[in-house]
C-alpha atoms as a PDB file:
ATOM      1  CA  PHE A   1       3.689  -6.173   3.408  1.00  0.00           C
ATOM      2  CA  VAL A   2       0.395  -4.669   2.337  1.00  0.00           C
ATOM      3  CA  HIS A   3      -0.480  -3.747  -1.217  1.00  0.00           C
ATOM      4  CA  ARG A   4      -2.200  -0.411  -1.782  1.00  0.00           C
ATOM      5  CA  LYS A   5      -4.966  -2.188  -3.709  1.00  0.00           C
ATOM      6  CA  VAL A   6      -6.663  -2.794  -0.325  1.00  0.00           C
ATOM      7  CA  HIS A   7      -7.097   0.988   0.090  1.00  0.00           C
ATOM      8  CA  GLY A   8     -10.489   2.296  -1.065  1.00  0.00           C
ATOM      9  CA  ASP A   9     -11.424   0.937  -4.467  1.00  0.00           C
ATOM     10  CA  GLY A  10      -7.825  -0.121  -5.122  1.00  0.00           C
ATOM     11  CA  ARG A  11      -7.209   2.357  -7.929  1.00  0.00           C
ATOM     12  CA  ASP A  12      -5.550   5.225  -6.028  1.00  0.00           C
ATOM     13  CA  ARG A  13      -1.951   5.056  -7.247  1.00  0.00           C
ATOM     14  CA  SER A  14      -0.960   7.831  -4.831  1.00  0.00           C
ATOM     15  CA  ALA A  15      -1.925   5.815  -1.701  1.00  0.00           C
ATOM     16  CA  PHE A  16       0.938   5.049   0.666  1.00  0.00           C
ATOM     17  CA  LEU A  17       1.751   4.127   4.258  1.00  0.00           C
ATOM     18  CA  VAL A  18       4.257   6.045   6.353  1.00  0.00           C
ATOM     19  CA  GLU A  19       6.884   3.903   8.073  1.00  0.00           C
ATOM     20  CA  GLY A  20       6.394   3.890  11.834  1.00  0.00           C
ATOM     21  CA  THR A  21       2.711   4.913  11.711  1.00  0.00           C
ATOM     22  CA  SER A  22       0.268   2.587  13.479  1.00  0.00           C
ATOM     23  CA  VAL A  23      -2.192   0.740  11.264  1.00  0.00           C
ATOM     24  CA  THR A  24      -5.059  -1.670  11.771  1.00  0.00           C
ATOM     25  CA  TYR A  25      -5.334  -4.533   9.313  1.00  0.00           C
ATOM     26  CA  GLU A  26      -7.219  -7.734   8.590  1.00  0.00           C
ATOM     27  CA  VAL A  27      -5.948 -10.834   6.828  1.00  0.00           C
ATOM     28  CA  GLU A  28      -7.704 -13.581   4.950  1.00  0.00           C
ATOM     29  CA  TRP A  29      -6.575 -16.910   3.540  1.00  0.00           C
ATOM     30  CA  ASP A  30      -5.945 -16.921  -0.222  1.00  0.00           C
ATOM     31  CA  ASP A  31      -6.734 -20.454  -1.423  1.00  0.00           C
ATOM     32  CA  ARG A  32      -5.282 -19.766  -4.861  1.00  0.00           C
ATOM     33  CA  LYS A  33      -1.885 -18.688  -3.503  1.00  0.00           C
ATOM     34  CA  GLY A  34      -1.921 -20.888  -0.406  1.00  0.00           C
ATOM     35  CA  LYS A  35      -1.069 -18.095   2.018  1.00  0.00           C
ATOM     36  CA  TYR A  36      -2.551 -15.257   4.048  1.00  0.00           C
ATOM     37  CA  ALA A  37      -3.015 -11.843   2.457  1.00  0.00           C
ATOM     38  CA  CYS A  38      -4.010  -8.468   3.834  1.00  0.00           C
ATOM     39  CA  SER A  39      -7.670  -7.808   3.012  1.00  0.00           C
ATOM     40  CA  SER A  40      -8.028  -4.351   4.615  1.00  0.00           C
ATOM     41  CA  CYS A  41      -5.761  -1.792   6.224  1.00  0.00           C
ATOM     42  CA  THR A  42      -6.243   1.635   7.818  1.00  0.00           C
ATOM     43  CA  GLY A  43      -3.681   4.412   7.898  1.00  0.00           C
ATOM     44  CA  PHE A  44      -3.182   5.080   4.190  1.00  0.00           C
ATOM     45  CA  LYS A  45      -2.310   8.581   3.072  1.00  0.00           C
ATOM     46  CA  THR A  46      -2.869   9.843  -0.467  1.00  0.00           C
ATOM     47  CA  GLY A  47      -1.365  12.462  -2.704  1.00  0.00           C
ATOM     48  CA  GLY A  48       2.159  11.104  -3.058  1.00  0.00           C
ATOM     49  CA  GLY A  49       3.505  13.119  -0.138  1.00  0.00           C
ATOM     50  CA  GLY A  50       5.911  10.480   1.112  1.00  0.00           C
ATOM     51  CA  GLY A  51       8.893  11.828  -0.784  1.00  0.00           C
ATOM     52  CA  ASP A  52      11.256   8.865  -0.603  1.00  0.00           C
ATOM     53  CA  GLN A  53      14.125   8.292  -3.019  1.00  0.00           C
ATOM     54  CA  TRP A  54      11.780   6.618  -5.519  1.00  0.00           C
ATOM     55  CA  GLY A  55       9.738   9.788  -5.917  1.00  0.00           C
ATOM     56  CA  GLY A  56       6.658   8.952  -3.926  1.00  0.00           C
ATOM     57  CA  GLY A  57       5.171   7.694  -0.730  1.00  0.00           C
ATOM     58  CA  GLY A  58       6.978   4.443  -0.270  1.00  0.00           C
ATOM     59  CA  TRP A  59       6.874   1.340  -2.444  1.00  0.00           C
ATOM     60  CA  GLY A  60       5.114   2.086  -5.704  1.00  0.00           C
ATOM     61  CA  GLY A  61       4.620   5.727  -4.839  1.00  0.00           C
ATOM     62  CA  GLY A  62       4.413   6.917  -8.431  1.00  0.00           C
ATOM     63  CA  GLY A  63       8.096   7.383  -9.047  1.00  0.00           C
ATOM     64  CA  GLY A  64       7.893   6.194 -12.646  1.00  0.00           C
ATOM     65  CA  ASP A  65      10.126   3.230 -11.962  1.00  0.00           C
ATOM     66  CA  GLN A  66       9.270  -0.471 -12.232  1.00  0.00           C
ATOM     67  CA  TRP A  67       7.293  -0.350  -8.950  1.00  0.00           C
ATOM     68  CA  GLY A  68       5.132   2.687  -9.536  1.00  0.00           C
END
């Protein structure tokens, strides 16, 4: 799992990853949560072009539901 907040300045709500596309990522330890978290990731697309059943580009793709 990678949250789109690691893309750019973290405010692009249209950012998404396409399933099956190769990405490069880095992780860092989150002392507050006690687990590793993704700190950067390449391969994001923008513009909401994913077109899944939730209306956007994957999880939180701007579909107007509880995730986006």
